[in-house]
Amino acid sequence: MPRREFDEALAVAVQPPLAALELAGRAGKGVLHQHDDVPGVGKPLTVPLAAFKFAHDGPSIERPPARVGEHTDEVLGAVGYTAEQIAALRRSGAVA
């Protein structure tokens, strides 16, 4: 890694998390990904990738994040809740 690139990476690494993400985004380091159309959000959404670079490839995001509640039934079912119990939780407002 050339010295300049190392210095830039170090400058990002020693910042508080939000400042590091802002600095990395401005520097075009490819550690942030913007989704222009996220169902249910109504505005662009920026999410972090990895805070490091690979030699030849890098992390990628192929789809936007899940909507709130999109996997609730699947997750609760996997840990043992019945469909009736999940419906009761939904009616009570405990889950989305």
N, C-alpha and C. Protein backbone atom coordinates (compact mmCIF):
# COMPACT_ATOMS: atom_id res chain seq x y z
N MET A 1 0.86 -1.17 0.00
CA MET A 1 0.00 0.00 0.00
C MET A 1 0.91 1.23 0.00
N PRO A 2 0.71 2.13 -0.96
CA PRO A 2 1.51 3.36 -0.97
C PRO A 2 1.29 4.20 0.29
N ARG A 3 2.30 4.97 0.65
CA ARG A 3 2.26 5.76 1.88
C ARG A 3 1.04 6.67 1.94
N ARG A 4 0.72 7.36 0.86
CA ARG A 4 -0.43 8.28 0.86
C ARG A 4 -1.73 7.54 1.16
N GLU A 5 -1.90 6.38 0.52
CA GLU A 5 -3.10 5.58 0.75
C GLU A 5 -3.16 5.09 2.19
N PHE A 6 -2.02 4.70 2.74
CA PHE A 6 -1.95 4.27 4.12
C PHE A 6 -2.33 5.42 5.06
N ASP A 7 -1.78 6.61 4.82
CA ASP A 7 -2.10 7.78 5.65
C ASP A 7 -3.58 8.10 5.60
N GLU A 8 -4.19 8.02 4.42
CA GLU A 8 -5.63 8.30 4.29
C GLU A 8 -6.45 7.26 5.05
N ALA A 9 -6.07 5.98 4.94
CA ALA A 9 -6.78 4.92 5.64
C ALA A 9 -6.65 5.10 7.15
N LEU A 10 -5.47 5.46 7.61
CA LEU A 10 -5.25 5.68 9.03
C LEU A 10 -6.08 6.87 9.53
N ALA A 11 -6.17 7.92 8.73
CA ALA A 11 -6.95 9.09 9.12
C ALA A 11 -8.41 8.71 9.33
N VAL A 12 -8.93 7.81 8.50
CA VAL A 12 -10.31 7.35 8.65
C VAL A 12 -10.42 6.45 9.87
N ALA A 13 -9.45 5.58 10.09
CA ALA A 13 -9.51 4.57 11.14
C ALA A 13 -9.49 5.15 12.54
N VAL A 14 -8.89 6.32 12.74
CA VAL A 14 -8.76 6.86 14.09
C VAL A 14 -9.84 7.88 14.42
N GLN A 15 -10.88 7.92 13.65
CA GLN A 15 -12.00 8.84 13.87
C GLN A 15 -13.13 8.11 14.61
N PRO A 16 -14.00 8.88 15.29
CA PRO A 16 -15.22 8.25 15.80
C PRO A 16 -16.00 7.66 14.62
N PRO A 17 -16.81 6.64 14.84
CA PRO A 17 -17.47 5.93 13.72
C PRO A 17 -18.20 6.83 12.72
N LEU A 18 -19.04 7.74 13.19
CA LEU A 18 -19.78 8.57 12.24
C LEU A 18 -18.87 9.49 11.45
N ALA A 19 -17.86 10.05 12.10
CA ALA A 19 -16.91 10.91 11.39
C ALA A 19 -16.11 10.10 10.39
N ALA A 20 -15.73 8.87 10.74
CA ALA A 20 -14.97 8.02 9.84
C ALA A 20 -15.79 7.69 8.59
N LEU A 21 -17.08 7.39 8.77
CA LEU A 21 -17.92 7.09 7.62
C LEU A 21 -18.07 8.31 6.73
N GLU A 22 -18.24 9.48 7.33
CA GLU A 22 -18.37 10.70 6.54
C GLU A 22 -17.09 10.96 5.75
N LEU A 23 -15.95 10.85 6.42
CA LEU A 23 -14.67 11.06 5.77
C LEU A 23 -14.43 10.04 4.66
N ALA A 24 -14.73 8.79 4.93
CA ALA A 24 -14.55 7.74 3.92
C ALA A 24 -15.47 7.97 2.73
N GLY A 25 -16.68 8.40 2.97
CA GLY A 25 -17.62 8.67 1.88
C GLY A 25 -17.15 9.81 1.00
N ARG A 26 -16.64 10.86 1.61
CA ARG A 26 -16.13 12.00 0.85
C ARG A 26 -14.89 11.63 0.06
N ALA A 27 -14.09 10.74 0.60
CA ALA A 27 -12.85 10.36 -0.07
C ALA A 27 -13.09 9.33 -1.17
N GLY A 28 -14.32 8.86 -1.31
CA GLY A 28 -14.63 7.89 -2.35
C GLY A 28 -13.94 6.55 -2.15
N LYS A 29 -13.83 6.12 -0.93
CA LYS A 29 -13.12 4.88 -0.63
C LYS A 29 -13.96 3.63 -0.86
N GLY A 30 -15.20 3.79 -1.24
CA GLY A 30 -16.01 2.62 -1.51
C GLY A 30 -16.47 1.88 -0.27
N VAL A 31 -16.52 2.56 0.87
CA VAL A 31 -16.98 1.88 2.07
C VAL A 31 -18.44 2.20 2.36
N LEU A 32 -19.06 3.03 1.53
CA LEU A 32 -20.47 3.36 1.68
C LEU A 32 -21.19 3.02 0.38
N HIS A 33 -22.44 2.59 0.51
CA HIS A 33 -23.27 2.27 -0.66
C HIS A 33 -24.60 2.99 -0.49
N GLN A 34 -25.04 3.67 -1.54
CA GLN A 34 -26.32 4.37 -1.47
C GLN A 34 -27.37 3.62 -2.27
N HIS A 35 -28.48 3.33 -1.60
CA HIS A 35 -29.65 2.76 -2.26
C HIS A 35 -30.56 3.93 -2.60
N ASP A 36 -30.90 4.08 -3.87
CA ASP A 36 -31.74 5.19 -4.27
C ASP A 36 -33.22 4.92 -4.02
N ASP A 37 -33.62 3.66 -4.08
CA ASP A 37 -35.03 3.33 -3.93
C ASP A 37 -35.19 2.17 -2.95
N VAL A 38 -35.57 2.49 -1.73
CA VAL A 38 -35.80 1.48 -0.71
C VAL A 38 -37.28 1.49 -0.37
N PRO A 39 -38.01 0.42 -0.68
CA PRO A 39 -39.44 0.39 -0.38
C PRO A 39 -39.72 0.70 1.08
N GLY A 40 -40.66 1.60 1.31
CA GLY A 40 -41.05 1.95 2.66
C GLY A 40 -40.21 3.03 3.31
N VAL A 41 -39.12 3.47 2.66
CA VAL A 41 -38.27 4.50 3.25
C VAL A 41 -38.59 5.86 2.64
N GLY A 42 -38.75 5.91 1.32
CA GLY A 42 -39.14 7.14 0.68
C GLY A 42 -38.02 8.13 0.43
N LYS A 43 -36.80 7.75 0.67
CA LYS A 43 -35.65 8.62 0.39
C LYS A 43 -34.41 7.74 0.23
N PRO A 44 -33.36 8.27 -0.37
CA PRO A 44 -32.13 7.48 -0.49
C PRO A 44 -31.60 7.06 0.87
N LEU A 45 -30.97 5.90 0.93
CA LEU A 45 -30.45 5.35 2.17
C LEU A 45 -29.01 4.92 1.94
N THR A 46 -28.09 5.41 2.77
CA THR A 46 -26.68 5.04 2.66
C THR A 46 -26.33 4.07 3.77
N VAL A 47 -25.66 2.99 3.40
CA VAL A 47 -25.27 1.95 4.36
C VAL A 47 -23.77 1.67 4.20
N PRO A 48 -23.12 1.23 5.27
CA PRO A 48 -21.69 0.91 5.17
C PRO A 48 -21.46 -0.44 4.50
N LEU A 49 -20.34 -0.53 3.80
CA LEU A 49 -19.84 -1.82 3.31
C LEU A 49 -18.79 -2.26 4.32
N ALA A 50 -17.62 -2.62 3.88
CA ALA A 50 -16.53 -2.98 4.78
C ALA A 50 -15.60 -1.78 4.93
N ALA A 51 -14.95 -1.68 6.05
CA ALA A 51 -14.04 -0.56 6.31
C ALA A 51 -12.63 -0.86 5.82
N PHE A 52 -12.50 -1.80 4.91
CA PHE A 52 -11.19 -2.17 4.38
C PHE A 52 -11.36 -2.49 2.90
N LYS A 53 -10.26 -2.56 2.19
CA LYS A 53 -10.28 -2.87 0.77
C LYS A 53 -9.60 -4.21 0.53
N PHE A 54 -10.13 -4.98 -0.42
CA PHE A 54 -9.49 -6.21 -0.84
C PHE A 54 -8.53 -5.89 -1.99
N ALA A 55 -7.60 -6.77 -2.25
CA ALA A 55 -6.63 -6.52 -3.31
C ALA A 55 -7.28 -6.46 -4.69
N HIS A 56 -8.28 -7.33 -4.94
CA HIS A 56 -8.86 -7.39 -6.28
C HIS A 56 -10.35 -7.13 -6.32
N ASP A 57 -11.04 -7.48 -5.32
CA ASP A 57 -12.48 -7.29 -5.26
C ASP A 57 -12.82 -6.55 -3.99
N GLY A 58 -14.08 -6.40 -3.77
CA GLY A 58 -14.50 -5.78 -2.54
C GLY A 58 -15.92 -6.20 -2.23
N PRO A 59 -16.40 -5.79 -1.09
CA PRO A 59 -17.77 -6.13 -0.73
C PRO A 59 -18.75 -5.42 -1.65
N SER A 60 -19.91 -6.00 -1.78
CA SER A 60 -20.96 -5.37 -2.59
C SER A 60 -22.30 -5.63 -1.95
N ILE A 61 -23.23 -4.81 -2.33
CA ILE A 61 -24.61 -4.96 -1.86
C ILE A 61 -25.47 -5.10 -3.10
N GLU A 62 -26.22 -6.18 -3.16
CA GLU A 62 -27.00 -6.47 -4.35
C GLU A 62 -28.46 -6.03 -4.24
N ARG A 63 -28.91 -5.77 -3.02
CA ARG A 63 -30.32 -5.38 -2.85
C ARG A 63 -30.44 -4.49 -1.61
N PRO A 64 -31.51 -3.73 -1.51
CA PRO A 64 -31.68 -2.87 -0.34
C PRO A 64 -31.95 -3.68 0.92
N PRO A 65 -31.78 -3.06 2.09
CA PRO A 65 -32.06 -3.77 3.33
C PRO A 65 -33.53 -4.18 3.42
N ALA A 66 -33.80 -5.15 4.26
CA ALA A 66 -35.17 -5.63 4.45
C ALA A 66 -36.04 -4.53 5.04
N ARG A 67 -37.32 -4.56 4.71
CA ARG A 67 -38.27 -3.62 5.28
C ARG A 67 -38.53 -4.01 6.74
N VAL A 68 -38.92 -3.05 7.53
CA VAL A 68 -39.25 -3.33 8.92
C VAL A 68 -40.36 -4.38 8.95
N GLY A 69 -40.11 -5.46 9.67
CA GLY A 69 -41.09 -6.53 9.80
C GLY A 69 -41.11 -7.54 8.68
N GLU A 70 -40.26 -7.37 7.67
CA GLU A 70 -40.29 -8.26 6.51
C GLU A 70 -40.05 -9.72 6.88
N HIS A 71 -39.19 -9.98 7.85
CA HIS A 71 -38.84 -11.35 8.20
C HIS A 71 -39.33 -11.76 9.59
N THR A 72 -40.22 -10.96 10.17
CA THR A 72 -40.68 -11.22 11.53
C THR A 72 -41.28 -12.62 11.69
N ASP A 73 -42.21 -12.97 10.82
CA ASP A 73 -42.86 -14.27 10.95
C ASP A 73 -41.86 -15.42 10.82
N GLU A 74 -40.95 -15.29 9.86
CA GLU A 74 -39.94 -16.33 9.64
C GLU A 74 -39.03 -16.50 10.85
N VAL A 75 -38.57 -15.39 11.42
CA VAL A 75 -37.66 -15.46 12.57
C VAL A 75 -38.38 -16.00 13.80
N LEU A 76 -39.56 -15.48 14.09
CA LEU A 76 -40.29 -15.95 15.26
C LEU A 76 -40.69 -17.42 15.11
N GLY A 77 -41.05 -17.82 13.90
CA GLY A 77 -41.37 -19.23 13.65
C GLY A 77 -40.15 -20.12 13.87
N ALA A 78 -38.97 -19.63 13.47
CA ALA A 78 -37.75 -20.42 13.61
C ALA A 78 -37.36 -20.64 15.07
N VAL A 79 -37.80 -19.72 15.96
CA VAL A 79 -37.47 -19.89 17.38
C VAL A 79 -38.62 -20.49 18.17
N GLY A 80 -39.64 -20.97 17.46
CA GLY A 80 -40.66 -21.76 18.13
C GLY A 80 -42.04 -21.15 18.30
N TYR A 81 -42.25 -19.91 17.86
CA TYR A 81 -43.58 -19.31 17.98
C TYR A 81 -44.50 -19.91 16.93
N THR A 82 -45.76 -20.15 17.31
CA THR A 82 -46.75 -20.65 16.36
C THR A 82 -47.33 -19.47 15.58
N ALA A 83 -48.02 -19.77 14.50
CA ALA A 83 -48.66 -18.72 13.70
C ALA A 83 -49.66 -17.94 14.54
N GLU A 84 -50.36 -18.63 15.43
CA GLU A 84 -51.34 -17.96 16.29
C GLU A 84 -50.65 -17.01 17.27
N GLN A 85 -49.54 -17.44 17.84
CA GLN A 85 -48.80 -16.58 18.77
C GLN A 85 -48.23 -15.35 18.06
N ILE A 86 -47.74 -15.54 16.85
CA ILE A 86 -47.20 -14.42 16.08
C ILE A 86 -48.32 -13.43 15.75
N ALA A 87 -49.48 -13.96 15.38
CA ALA A 87 -50.63 -13.08 15.08
C ALA A 87 -51.03 -12.29 16.31
N ALA A 88 -51.00 -12.92 17.50
CA ALA A 88 -51.33 -12.21 18.74
C ALA A 88 -50.31 -11.12 19.02
N LEU A 89 -49.03 -11.41 18.80
CA LEU A 89 -47.99 -10.38 18.99
C LEU A 89 -48.20 -9.20 18.04
N ARG A 90 -48.58 -9.50 16.80
CA ARG A 90 -48.83 -8.46 15.82
C ARG A 90 -50.04 -7.61 16.23
N ARG A 91 -51.11 -8.26 16.68
CA ARG A 91 -52.31 -7.52 17.11
C ARG A 91 -52.02 -6.63 18.31
N SER A 92 -51.15 -7.09 19.19
CA SER A 92 -50.84 -6.30 20.39
C SER A 92 -49.89 -5.15 20.09
N GLY A 93 -49.29 -5.17 18.89
CA GLY A 93 -48.33 -4.12 18.54
C GLY A 93 -46.92 -4.41 19.00
N ALA A 94 -46.69 -5.62 19.53
CA ALA A 94 -45.35 -5.97 20.03
C ALA A 94 -44.35 -6.18 18.89
N VAL A 95 -44.83 -6.56 17.71
CA VAL A 95 -43.96 -6.75 16.55
C VAL A 95 -44.57 -6.05 15.35
N ALA A 96 -43.72 -5.76 14.38
CA ALA A 96 -44.19 -5.08 13.16
C ALA A 96 -44.61 -6.10 12.14
